[in-house]
Amino acid sequence: MHKNRKYRTFGEIEEEYFKNHPEEIDDYISIIFDEYAKDGETGVLLSSLRRVSRAKGVTATAMAAGMTRKGLQKALSEKGNPKFESVNAIMHAMGYRLKPEKLEMPAGR
């Protein structure tokens, strides 16, 4: 057995995949926001956005969002609590916008 073998995390594999397949990021963004709309798991959403920012380049994303690299990483950490304005700026920096979608409401609401 190899005692010092370093295994990559799923997040690292995902980041590498998006670096090599940037055309897949659009669908991924849609999926993570759809999942967030269903379960409200902010930490998962932020973590997923952090992976995208790493694939696109953290420094470039931070600069385009008007943030420091450290500020971007903190905002997109699983325990981050970024302001709405920060999330909007980060999304714009990555080439996306936040867009409302009408929900189907049960009758009587």
PDB file of N, CA and C in Angstrom:
ATOM      1  N   MET A   1       0.839  -1.193   0.000  1.00  0.00           N
ATOM      2  CA  MET A   1       0.000   0.000   0.000  1.00  0.00           C
ATOM      3  C   MET A   1       0.881   1.253   0.000  1.00  0.00           C
ATOM      4  N   HIS A   2       0.324   2.280  -0.588  1.00  0.00           N
ATOM      5  CA  HIS A   2       1.014   3.564  -0.613  1.00  0.00           C
ATOM      6  C   HIS A   2       0.468   4.425   0.524  1.00  0.00           C
ATOM      7  N   LYS A   3       1.314   4.672   1.494  1.00  0.00           N
ATOM      8  CA  LYS A   3       0.857   5.445   2.657  1.00  0.00           C
ATOM      9  C   LYS A   3       0.755   6.936   2.361  1.00  0.00           C
ATOM     10  N   ASN A   4       1.564   7.416   1.452  1.00  0.00           N
ATOM     11  CA  ASN A   4       1.610   8.861   1.195  1.00  0.00           C
ATOM     12  C   ASN A   4       0.865   9.260  -0.076  1.00  0.00           C
ATOM     13  N   ARG A   5      -0.008   8.427  -0.540  1.00  0.00           N
ATOM     14  CA  ARG A   5      -0.774   8.736  -1.737  1.00  0.00           C
ATOM     15  C   ARG A   5      -1.740   9.876  -1.441  1.00  0.00           C
ATOM     16  N   LYS A   6      -1.724  10.877  -2.303  1.00  0.00           N
ATOM     17  CA  LYS A   6      -2.630  12.013  -2.135  1.00  0.00           C
ATOM     18  C   LYS A   6      -3.779  11.857  -3.116  1.00  0.00           C
ATOM     19  N   TYR A   7      -4.964  11.770  -2.603  1.00  0.00           N
ATOM     20  CA  TYR A   7      -6.154  11.660  -3.427  1.00  0.00           C
ATOM     21  C   TYR A   7      -6.757  13.033  -3.646  1.00  0.00           C
ATOM     22  N   ARG A   8      -7.263  13.244  -4.840  1.00  0.00           N
ATOM     23  CA  ARG A   8      -7.920  14.514  -5.139  1.00  0.00           C
ATOM     24  C   ARG A   8      -9.357  14.467  -4.647  1.00  0.00           C
ATOM     25  N   THR A   9      -9.853  15.633  -4.277  1.00  0.00           N
ATOM     26  CA  THR A   9     -11.242  15.729  -3.847  1.00  0.00           C
ATOM     27  C   THR A   9     -12.135  15.827  -5.083  1.00  0.00           C
ATOM     28  N   PHE A  10     -13.417  15.595  -4.877  1.00  0.00           N
ATOM     29  CA  PHE A  10     -14.376  15.741  -5.969  1.00  0.00           C
ATOM     30  C   PHE A  10     -14.331  17.168  -6.507  1.00  0.00           C
ATOM     31  N   GLY A  11     -14.218  18.133  -5.605  1.00  0.00           N
ATOM     32  CA  GLY A  11     -14.158  19.538  -6.016  1.00  0.00           C
ATOM     33  C   GLY A  11     -12.969  19.817  -6.916  1.00  0.00           C
ATOM     34  N   GLU A  12     -11.821  19.239  -6.600  1.00  0.00           N
ATOM     35  CA  GLU A  12     -10.629  19.427  -7.430  1.00  0.00           C
ATOM     36  C   GLU A  12     -10.815  18.813  -8.818  1.00  0.00           C
ATOM     37  N   ILE A  13     -11.436  17.658  -8.855  1.00  0.00           N
ATOM     38  CA  ILE A  13     -11.696  16.989 -10.134  1.00  0.00           C
ATOM     39  C   ILE A  13     -12.679  17.817 -10.957  1.00  0.00           C
ATOM     40  N   GLU A  14     -13.699  18.336 -10.287  1.00  0.00           N
ATOM     41  CA  GLU A  14     -14.703  19.158 -10.966  1.00  0.00           C
ATOM     42  C   GLU A  14     -14.075  20.431 -11.536  1.00  0.00           C
ATOM     43  N   GLU A  15     -13.214  21.089 -10.755  1.00  0.00           N
ATOM     44  CA  GLU A  15     -12.533  22.299 -11.224  1.00  0.00           C
ATOM     45  C   GLU A  15     -11.693  22.001 -12.464  1.00  0.00           C
ATOM     46  N   GLU A  16     -10.949  20.916 -12.424  1.00  0.00           N
ATOM     47  CA  GLU A  16     -10.118  20.538 -13.567  1.00  0.00           C
ATOM     48  C   GLU A  16     -10.992  20.272 -14.791  1.00  0.00           C
ATOM     49  N   TYR A  17     -12.105  19.602 -14.573  1.00  0.00           N
ATOM     50  CA  TYR A  17     -13.026  19.316 -15.679  1.00  0.00           C
ATOM     51  C   TYR A  17     -13.502  20.615 -16.325  1.00  0.00           C
ATOM     52  N   PHE A  18     -13.916  21.588 -15.516  1.00  0.00           N
ATOM     53  CA  PHE A  18     -14.415  22.845 -16.064  1.00  0.00           C
ATOM     54  C   PHE A  18     -13.318  23.660 -16.732  1.00  0.00           C
ATOM     55  N   LYS A  19     -12.088  23.550 -16.258  1.00  0.00           N
ATOM     56  CA  LYS A  19     -10.973  24.219 -16.939  1.00  0.00           C
ATOM     57  C   LYS A  19     -10.793  23.638 -18.338  1.00  0.00           C
ATOM     58  N   ASN A  20     -10.971  22.323 -18.456  1.00  0.00           N
ATOM     59  CA  ASN A  20     -10.801  21.642 -19.739  1.00  0.00           C
ATOM     60  C   ASN A  20     -12.054  21.655 -20.610  1.00  0.00           C
ATOM     61  N   HIS A  21     -13.204  21.918 -20.006  1.00  0.00           N
ATOM     62  CA  HIS A  21     -14.482  21.924 -20.721  1.00  0.00           C
ATOM     63  C   HIS A  21     -15.312  23.147 -20.314  1.00  0.00           C
ATOM     64  N   PRO A  22     -14.840  24.355 -20.612  1.00  0.00           N
ATOM     65  CA  PRO A  22     -15.570  25.556 -20.175  1.00  0.00           C
ATOM     66  C   PRO A  22     -16.980  25.661 -20.753  1.00  0.00           C
ATOM     67  N   GLU A  23     -17.227  24.973 -21.844  1.00  0.00           N
ATOM     68  CA  GLU A  23     -18.561  25.009 -22.440  1.00  0.00           C
ATOM     69  C   GLU A  23     -19.613  24.348 -21.561  1.00  0.00           C
ATOM     70  N   GLU A  24     -19.176  23.570 -20.585  1.00  0.00           N
ATOM     71  CA  GLU A  24     -20.091  22.886 -19.667  1.00  0.00           C
ATOM     72  C   GLU A  24     -20.528  23.771 -18.491  1.00  0.00           C
ATOM     73  N   ILE A  25     -19.858  24.900 -18.311  1.00  0.00           N
ATOM     74  CA  ILE A  25     -20.137  25.750 -17.152  1.00  0.00           C
ATOM     75  C   ILE A  25     -21.550  26.333 -17.204  1.00  0.00           C
ATOM     76  N   ASP A  26     -22.022  26.698 -18.384  1.00  0.00           N
ATOM     77  CA  ASP A  26     -23.368  27.293 -18.493  1.00  0.00           C
ATOM     78  C   ASP A  26     -24.433  26.365 -17.903  1.00  0.00           C
ATOM     79  N   ASP A  27     -24.397  25.103 -18.308  1.00  0.00           N
ATOM     80  CA  ASP A  27     -25.379  24.144 -17.788  1.00  0.00           C
ATOM     81  C   ASP A  27     -25.198  23.940 -16.289  1.00  0.00           C
ATOM     82  N   TYR A  28     -23.959  23.896 -15.838  1.00  0.00           N
ATOM     83  CA  TYR A  28     -23.660  23.704 -14.411  1.00  0.00           C
ATOM     84  C   TYR A  28     -24.247  24.844 -13.584  1.00  0.00           C
ATOM     85  N   ILE A  29     -24.073  26.074 -14.056  1.00  0.00           N
ATOM     86  CA  ILE A  29     -24.624  27.246 -13.348  1.00  0.00           C
ATOM     87  C   ILE A  29     -26.144  27.103 -13.229  1.00  0.00           C
ATOM     88  N   SER A  30     -26.796  26.727 -14.308  1.00  0.00           N
ATOM     89  CA  SER A  30     -28.259  26.547 -14.276  1.00  0.00           C
ATOM     90  C   SER A  30     -28.654  25.476 -13.272  1.00  0.00           C
ATOM     91  N   ILE A  31     -27.931  24.383 -13.277  1.00  0.00           N
ATOM     92  CA  ILE A  31     -28.244  23.272 -12.373  1.00  0.00           C
ATOM     93  C   ILE A  31     -28.054  23.671 -10.918  1.00  0.00           C
ATOM     94  N   ILE A  32     -26.939  24.342 -10.595  1.00  0.00           N
ATOM     95  CA  ILE A  32     -26.708  24.670  -9.175  1.00  0.00           C
ATOM     96  C   ILE A  32     -27.736  25.668  -8.664  1.00  0.00           C
ATOM     97  N   PHE A  33     -28.192  26.584  -9.525  1.00  0.00           N
ATOM     98  CA  PHE A  33     -29.226  27.516  -9.081  1.00  0.00           C
ATOM     99  C   PHE A  33     -30.581  26.831  -8.983  1.00  0.00           C
ATOM    100  N   ASP A  34     -30.863  25.879  -9.869  1.00  0.00           N
ATOM    101  CA  ASP A  34     -32.107  25.102  -9.754  1.00  0.00           C
ATOM    102  C   ASP A  34     -32.116  24.312  -8.451  1.00  0.00           C
ATOM    103  N   GLU A  35     -31.000  23.688  -8.128  1.00  0.00           N
ATOM    104  CA  GLU A  35     -30.899  22.920  -6.884  1.00  0.00           C
ATOM    105  C   GLU A  35     -31.041  23.832  -5.672  1.00  0.00           C
ATOM    106  N   TYR A  36     -30.423  25.010  -5.737  1.00  0.00           N
ATOM    107  CA  TYR A  36     -30.535  25.965  -4.637  1.00  0.00           C
ATOM    108  C   TYR A  36     -31.992  26.398  -4.454  1.00  0.00           C
ATOM    109  N   ALA A  37     -32.708  26.601  -5.556  1.00  0.00           N
ATOM    110  CA  ALA A  37     -34.123  26.995  -5.475  1.00  0.00           C
ATOM    111  C   ALA A  37     -34.949  25.918  -4.785  1.00  0.00           C
ATOM    112  N   LYS A  38     -34.563  24.663  -4.940  1.00  0.00           N
ATOM    113  CA  LYS A  38     -35.293  23.556  -4.328  1.00  0.00           C
ATOM    114  C   LYS A  38     -34.945  23.351  -2.862  1.00  0.00           C
ATOM    115  N   ASP A  39     -33.645  23.408  -2.535  1.00  0.00           N
ATOM    116  CA  ASP A  39     -33.243  23.028  -1.175  1.00  0.00           C
ATOM    117  C   ASP A  39     -32.726  24.177  -0.314  1.00  0.00           C
ATOM    118  N   GLY A  40     -32.434  25.326  -0.902  1.00  0.00           N
ATOM    119  CA  GLY A  40     -31.990  26.481  -0.134  1.00  0.00           C
ATOM    120  C   GLY A  40     -30.635  26.312   0.550  1.00  0.00           C
ATOM    121  N   GLU A  41     -29.830  25.378   0.080  1.00  0.00           N
ATOM    122  CA  GLU A  41     -28.524  25.120   0.684  1.00  0.00           C
ATOM    123  C   GLU A  41     -27.499  26.140   0.181  1.00  0.00           C
ATOM    124  N   THR A  42     -27.385  27.244   0.908  1.00  0.00           N
ATOM    125  CA  THR A  42     -26.503  28.332   0.507  1.00  0.00           C
ATOM    126  C   THR A  42     -25.049  27.888   0.433  1.00  0.00           C
ATOM    127  N   GLY A  43     -24.597  27.104   1.401  1.00  0.00           N
ATOM    128  CA  GLY A  43     -23.211  26.644   1.414  1.00  0.00           C
ATOM    129  C   GLY A  43     -22.851  25.852   0.178  1.00  0.00           C
ATOM    130  N   VAL A  44     -23.761  25.021  -0.281  1.00  0.00           N
ATOM    131  CA  VAL A  44     -23.527  24.214  -1.484  1.00  0.00           C
ATOM    132  C   VAL A  44     -23.447  25.117  -2.707  1.00  0.00           C
ATOM    133  N   LEU A  45     -24.347  26.086  -2.791  1.00  0.00           N
ATOM    134  CA  LEU A  45     -24.340  27.022  -3.914  1.00  0.00           C
ATOM    135  C   LEU A  45     -23.029  27.800  -3.953  1.00  0.00           C
ATOM    136  N   LEU A  46     -22.630  28.349  -2.819  1.00  0.00           N
ATOM    137  CA  LEU A  46     -21.404  29.144  -2.764  1.00  0.00           C
ATOM    138  C   LEU A  46     -20.183  28.299  -3.098  1.00  0.00           C
ATOM    139  N   SER A  47     -20.140  27.088  -2.578  1.00  0.00           N
ATOM    140  CA  SER A  47     -19.035  26.182  -2.861  1.00  0.00           C
ATOM    141  C   SER A  47     -18.960  25.874  -4.358  1.00  0.00           C
ATOM    142  N   SER A  48     -20.105  25.673  -4.980  1.00  0.00           N
ATOM    143  CA  SER A  48     -20.148  25.398  -6.413  1.00  0.00           C
ATOM    144  C   SER A  48     -19.688  26.609  -7.214  1.00  0.00           C
ATOM    145  N   LEU A  49     -20.099  27.799  -6.807  1.00  0.00           N
ATOM    146  CA  LEU A  49     -19.656  29.017  -7.475  1.00  0.00           C
ATOM    147  C   LEU A  49     -18.152  29.217  -7.295  1.00  0.00           C
ATOM    148  N   ARG A  50     -17.633  28.805  -6.149  1.00  0.00           N
ATOM    149  CA  ARG A  50     -16.187  28.898  -5.905  1.00  0.00           C
ATOM    150  C   ARG A  50     -15.433  28.016  -6.908  1.00  0.00           C
ATOM    151  N   ARG A  51     -15.954  26.822  -7.175  1.00  0.00           N
ATOM    152  CA  ARG A  51     -15.319  25.941  -8.162  1.00  0.00           C
ATOM    153  C   ARG A  51     -15.307  26.582  -9.543  1.00  0.00           C
ATOM    154  N   VAL A  52     -16.409  27.224  -9.901  1.00  0.00           N
ATOM    155  CA  VAL A  52     -16.478  27.900 -11.199  1.00  0.00           C
ATOM    156  C   VAL A  52     -15.470  29.045 -11.239  1.00  0.00           C
ATOM    157  N   SER A  53     -15.379  29.807 -10.146  1.00  0.00           N
ATOM    158  CA  SER A  53     -14.430  30.927 -10.124  1.00  0.00           C
ATOM    159  C   SER A  53     -12.999  30.415 -10.248  1.00  0.00           C
ATOM    160  N   ARG A  54     -12.698  29.270  -9.670  1.00  0.00           N
ATOM    161  CA  ARG A  54     -11.364  28.690  -9.801  1.00  0.00           C
ATOM    162  C   ARG A  54     -11.106  28.250 -11.230  1.00  0.00           C
ATOM    163  N   ALA A  55     -12.111  27.678 -11.874  1.00  0.00           N
ATOM    164  CA  ALA A  55     -11.951  27.253 -13.264  1.00  0.00           C
ATOM    165  C   ALA A  55     -11.748  28.453 -14.183  1.00  0.00           C
ATOM    166  N   LYS A  56     -12.407  29.559 -13.872  1.00  0.00           N
ATOM    167  CA  LYS A  56     -12.300  30.761 -14.692  1.00  0.00           C
ATOM    168  C   LYS A  56     -11.110  31.629 -14.291  1.00  0.00           C
ATOM    169  N   GLY A  57     -10.548  31.364 -13.125  1.00  0.00           N
ATOM    170  CA  GLY A  57      -9.426  32.147 -12.620  1.00  0.00           C
ATOM    171  C   GLY A  57      -9.880  33.048 -11.490  1.00  0.00           C
ATOM    172  N   VAL A  58      -9.449  32.727 -10.274  1.00  0.00           N
ATOM    173  CA  VAL A  58      -9.895  33.466  -9.094  1.00  0.00           C
ATOM    174  C   VAL A  58      -9.478  34.929  -9.157  1.00  0.00           C
ATOM    175  N   THR A  59      -8.231  35.180  -9.505  1.00  0.00           N
ATOM    176  CA  THR A  59      -7.742  36.560  -9.519  1.00  0.00           C
ATOM    177  C   THR A  59      -8.504  37.399 -10.530  1.00  0.00           C
ATOM    178  N   ALA A  60      -8.678  36.876 -11.734  1.00  0.00           N
ATOM    179  CA  ALA A  60      -9.407  37.618 -12.779  1.00  0.00           C
ATOM    180  C   ALA A  60     -10.859  37.838 -12.372  1.00  0.00           C
ATOM    181  N   THR A  61     -11.489  36.827 -11.789  1.00  0.00           N
ATOM    182  CA  THR A  61     -12.880  36.954 -11.351  1.00  0.00           C
ATOM    183  C   THR A  61     -13.001  37.997 -10.249  1.00  0.00           C
ATOM    184  N   ALA A  62     -12.084  37.944  -9.291  1.00  0.00           N
ATOM    185  CA  ALA A  62     -12.102  38.902  -8.181  1.00  0.00           C
ATOM    186  C   ALA A  62     -11.927  40.326  -8.688  1.00  0.00           C
ATOM    187  N   MET A  63     -10.971  40.520  -9.577  1.00  0.00           N
ATOM    188  CA  MET A  63     -10.730  41.865 -10.110  1.00  0.00           C
ATOM    189  C   MET A  63     -11.957  42.380 -10.857  1.00  0.00           C
ATOM    190  N   ALA A  64     -12.558  41.532 -11.687  1.00  0.00           N
ATOM    191  CA  ALA A  64     -13.744  41.938 -12.454  1.00  0.00           C
ATOM    192  C   ALA A  64     -14.929  42.237 -11.547  1.00  0.00           C
ATOM    193  N   ALA A  65     -14.969  41.583 -10.386  1.00  0.00           N
ATOM    194  CA  ALA A  65     -16.059  41.802  -9.427  1.00  0.00           C
ATOM    195  C   ALA A  65     -15.775  42.969  -8.492  1.00  0.00           C
ATOM    196  N   GLY A  66     -14.588  43.561  -8.597  1.00  0.00           N
ATOM    197  CA  GLY A  66     -14.218  44.673  -7.727  1.00  0.00           C
ATOM    198  C   GLY A  66     -13.901  44.213  -6.320  1.00  0.00           C
ATOM    199  N   MET A  67     -13.343  43.006  -6.206  1.00  0.00           N
ATOM    200  CA  MET A  67     -13.027  42.424  -4.909  1.00  0.00           C
ATOM    201  C   MET A  67     -11.565  41.996  -4.891  1.00  0.00           C
ATOM    202  N   THR A  68     -11.077  41.719  -3.707  1.00  0.00           N
ATOM    203  CA  THR A  68      -9.760  41.107  -3.611  1.00  0.00           C
ATOM    204  C   THR A  68      -9.920  39.603  -3.796  1.00  0.00           C
ATOM    205  N   ARG A  69      -8.823  38.946  -4.096  1.00  0.00           N
ATOM    206  CA  ARG A  69      -8.845  37.487  -4.236  1.00  0.00           C
ATOM    207  C   ARG A  69      -9.326  36.845  -2.933  1.00  0.00           C
ATOM    208  N   LYS A  70      -8.795  37.333  -1.821  1.00  0.00           N
ATOM    209  CA  LYS A  70      -9.176  36.798  -0.513  1.00  0.00           C
ATOM    210  C   LYS A  70     -10.645  37.060  -0.222  1.00  0.00           C
ATOM    211  N   GLY A  71     -11.123  38.252  -0.597  1.00  0.00           N
ATOM    212  CA  GLY A  71     -12.527  38.598  -0.382  1.00  0.00           C
ATOM    213  C   GLY A  71     -13.459  37.698  -1.174  1.00  0.00           C
ATOM    214  N   LEU A  72     -13.065  37.383  -2.413  1.00  0.00           N
ATOM    215  CA  LEU A  72     -13.864  36.485  -3.247  1.00  0.00           C
ATOM    216  C   LEU A  72     -13.904  35.093  -2.632  1.00  0.00           C
ATOM    217  N   GLN A  73     -12.741  34.604  -2.216  1.00  0.00           N
ATOM    218  CA  GLN A  73     -12.686  33.271  -1.621  1.00  0.00           C
ATOM    219  C   GLN A  73     -13.503  33.198  -0.344  1.00  0.00           C
ATOM    220  N   LYS A  74     -13.464  34.258   0.450  1.00  0.00           N
ATOM    221  CA  LYS A  74     -14.247  34.285   1.691  1.00  0.00           C
ATOM    222  C   LYS A  74     -15.745  34.319   1.380  1.00  0.00           C
ATOM    223  N   ALA A  75     -16.126  35.151   0.415  1.00  0.00           N
ATOM    224  CA  ALA A  75     -17.543  35.263   0.057  1.00  0.00           C
ATOM    225  C   ALA A  75     -18.087  33.939  -0.459  1.00  0.00           C
ATOM    226  N   LEU A  76     -17.269  33.174  -1.183  1.00  0.00           N
ATOM    227  CA  LEU A  76     -17.723  31.923  -1.769  1.00  0.00           C
ATOM    228  C   LEU A  76     -17.348  30.693  -0.958  1.00  0.00           C
ATOM    229  N   SER A  77     -16.959  30.908   0.301  1.00  0.00           N
ATOM    230  CA  SER A  77     -16.682  29.756   1.153  1.00  0.00           C
ATOM    231  C   SER A  77     -18.013  29.150   1.599  1.00  0.00           C
ATOM    232  N   GLU A  78     -17.977  27.911   2.030  1.00  0.00           N
ATOM    233  CA  GLU A  78     -19.212  27.236   2.445  1.00  0.00           C
ATOM    234  C   GLU A  78     -19.897  27.952   3.604  1.00  0.00           C
ATOM    235  N   LYS A  79     -19.123  28.680   4.389  1.00  0.00           N
ATOM    236  CA  LYS A  79     -19.702  29.419   5.512  1.00  0.00           C
ATOM    237  C   LYS A  79     -19.792  30.904   5.213  1.00  0.00           C
ATOM    238  N   GLY A  80     -19.565  31.254   3.938  1.00  0.00           N
ATOM    239  CA  GLY A  80     -19.642  32.652   3.533  1.00  0.00           C
ATOM    240  C   GLY A  80     -21.057  33.179   3.661  1.00  0.00           C
ATOM    241  N   ASN A  81     -21.148  34.467   3.818  1.00  0.00           N
ATOM    242  CA  ASN A  81     -22.451  35.120   3.906  1.00  0.00           C
ATOM    243  C   ASN A  81     -22.359  36.430   3.129  1.00  0.00           C
ATOM    244  N   PRO A  82     -22.155  36.305   1.801  1.00  0.00           N
ATOM    245  CA  PRO A  82     -21.943  37.520   1.016  1.00  0.00           C
ATOM    246  C   PRO A  82     -23.210  38.336   0.870  1.00  0.00           C
ATOM    247  N   LYS A  83     -23.024  39.629   0.688  1.00  0.00           N
ATOM    248  CA  LYS A  83     -24.148  40.515   0.411  1.00  0.00           C
ATOM    249  C   LYS A  83     -24.670  40.199  -0.986  1.00  0.00           C
ATOM    250  N   PHE A  84     -25.906  40.543  -1.205  1.00  0.00           N
ATOM    251  CA  PHE A  84     -26.525  40.333  -2.514  1.00  0.00           C
ATOM    252  C   PHE A  84     -25.707  41.033  -3.596  1.00  0.00           C
ATOM    253  N   GLU A  85     -25.244  42.238  -3.303  1.00  0.00           N
ATOM    254  CA  GLU A  85     -24.458  42.999  -4.272  1.00  0.00           C
ATOM    255  C   GLU A  85     -23.183  42.255  -4.644  1.00  0.00           C
ATOM    256  N   SER A  86     -22.581  41.574  -3.676  1.00  0.00           N
ATOM    257  CA  SER A  86     -21.361  40.812  -3.951  1.00  0.00           C
ATOM    258  C   SER A  86     -21.651  39.622  -4.847  1.00  0.00           C
ATOM    259  N   VAL A  87     -22.724  38.902  -4.565  1.00  0.00           N
ATOM    260  CA  VAL A  87     -23.089  37.760  -5.399  1.00  0.00           C
ATOM    261  C   VAL A  87     -23.371  38.239  -6.823  1.00  0.00           C
ATOM    262  N   ASN A  88     -24.087  39.335  -6.954  1.00  0.00           N
ATOM    263  CA  ASN A  88     -24.395  39.888  -8.269  1.00  0.00           C
ATOM    264  C   ASN A  88     -23.109  40.267  -9.004  1.00  0.00           C
ATOM    265  N   ALA A  89     -22.184  40.925  -8.323  1.00  0.00           N
ATOM    266  CA  ALA A  89     -20.913  41.325  -8.941  1.00  0.00           C
ATOM    267  C   ALA A  89     -20.092  40.103  -9.352  1.00  0.00           C
ATOM    268  N   ILE A  90     -20.077  39.082  -8.514  1.00  0.00           N
ATOM    269  CA  ILE A  90     -19.339  37.853  -8.829  1.00  0.00           C
ATOM    270  C   ILE A  90     -19.948  37.173 -10.051  1.00  0.00           C
ATOM    271  N   MET A  91     -21.260  37.094 -10.087  1.00  0.00           N
ATOM    272  CA  MET A  91     -21.927  36.464 -11.228  1.00  0.00           C
ATOM    273  C   MET A  91     -21.614  37.232 -12.517  1.00  0.00           C
ATOM    274  N   HIS A  92     -21.659  38.559 -12.461  1.00  0.00           N
ATOM    275  CA  HIS A  92     -21.332  39.372 -13.633  1.00  0.00           C
ATOM    276  C   HIS A  92     -19.888  39.136 -14.049  1.00  0.00           C
ATOM    277  N   ALA A  93     -18.991  39.064 -13.085  1.00  0.00           N
ATOM    278  CA  ALA A  93     -17.570  38.848 -13.373  1.00  0.00           C
ATOM    279  C   ALA A  93     -17.338  37.499 -14.056  1.00  0.00           C
ATOM    280  N   MET A  94     -18.180  36.520 -13.754  1.00  0.00           N
ATOM    281  CA  MET A  94     -18.049  35.198 -14.365  1.00  0.00           C
ATOM    282  C   MET A  94     -18.827  35.106 -15.681  1.00  0.00           C
ATOM    283  N   GLY A  95     -19.528  36.198 -16.037  1.00  0.00           N
ATOM    284  CA  GLY A  95     -20.249  36.234 -17.308  1.00  0.00           C
ATOM    285  C   GLY A  95     -21.706  35.831 -17.224  1.00  0.00           C
ATOM    286  N   TYR A  96     -22.306  35.977 -16.059  1.00  0.00           N
ATOM    287  CA  TYR A  96     -23.701  35.581 -15.859  1.00  0.00           C
ATOM    288  C   TYR A  96     -24.457  36.694 -15.151  1.00  0.00           C
ATOM    289  N   ARG A  97     -25.761  36.582 -15.133  1.00  0.00           N
ATOM    290  CA  ARG A  97     -26.583  37.521 -14.377  1.00  0.00           C
ATOM    291  C   ARG A  97     -27.620  36.732 -13.597  1.00  0.00           C
ATOM    292  N   LEU A  98     -28.067  37.343 -12.547  1.00  0.00           N
ATOM    293  CA  LEU A  98     -29.153  36.760 -11.764  1.00  0.00           C
ATOM    294  C   LEU A  98     -30.447  37.153 -12.456  1.00  0.00           C
ATOM    295  N   LYS A  99     -31.290  36.188 -12.686  1.00  0.00           N
ATOM    296  CA  LYS A  99     -32.509  36.439 -13.450  1.00  0.00           C
ATOM    297  C   LYS A  99     -33.686  35.797 -12.732  1.00  0.00           C
ATOM    298  N   PRO A 100     -34.723  36.576 -12.440  1.00  0.00           N
ATOM    299  CA  PRO A 100     -35.884  35.986 -11.770  1.00  0.00           C
ATOM    300  C   PRO A 100     -36.647  35.054 -12.700  1.00  0.00           C
ATOM    301  N   GLU A 101     -37.243  34.065 -12.101  1.00  0.00           N
ATOM    302  CA  GLU A 101     -38.071  33.123 -12.842  1.00  0.00           C
ATOM    303  C   GLU A 101     -39.369  32.947 -12.068  1.00  0.00           C
ATOM    304  N   LYS A 102     -40.480  33.078 -12.754  1.00  0.00           N
ATOM    305  CA  LYS A 102     -41.782  32.961 -12.102  1.00  0.00           C
ATOM    306  C   LYS A 102     -41.992  31.533 -11.605  1.00  0.00           C
ATOM    307  N   LEU A 103     -42.444  31.426 -10.378  1.00  0.00           N
ATOM    308  CA  LEU A 103     -42.754  30.136  -9.779  1.00  0.00           C
ATOM    309  C   LEU A 103     -44.204  29.783 -10.024  1.00  0.00           C
ATOM    310  N   GLU A 104     -44.482  28.521 -10.183  1.00  0.00           N
ATOM    311  CA  GLU A 104     -45.849  28.053 -10.270  1.00  0.00           C
ATOM    312  C   GLU A 104     -46.387  27.981  -8.847  1.00  0.00           C
ATOM    313  N   MET A 105     -47.422  28.727  -8.561  1.00  0.00           N
ATOM    314  CA  MET A 105     -47.992  28.776  -7.217  1.00  0.00           C
ATOM    315  C   MET A 105     -49.279  27.979  -7.177  1.00  0.00           C
ATOM    316  N   PRO A 106     -49.520  27.300  -6.057  1.00  0.00           N
ATOM    317  CA  PRO A 106     -50.779  26.570  -5.923  1.00  0.00           C
ATOM    318  C   PRO A 106     -51.969  27.547  -5.988  1.00  0.00           C
ATOM    319  N   ALA A 107     -53.103  27.045  -6.409  1.00  0.00           N
ATOM    320  CA  ALA A 107     -54.312  27.881  -6.511  1.00  0.00           C
ATOM    321  C   ALA A 107     -54.629  28.491  -5.148  1.00  0.00           C
ATOM    322  N   GLY A 108     -55.071  29.723  -5.155  1.00  0.00           N
ATOM    323  CA  GLY A 108     -55.453  30.393  -3.919  1.00  0.00           C
ATOM    324  C   GLY A 108     -54.326  31.201  -3.287  1.00  0.00           C
ATOM    325  N   ARG A 109     -53.195  31.236  -3.881  1.00  0.00           N
ATOM    326  CA  ARG A 109     -52.071  32.008  -3.324  1.00  0.00           C
ATOM    327  C   ARG A 109     -51.870  33.270  -4.077  1.00  0.00           C
TER     328      ARG A 109
END
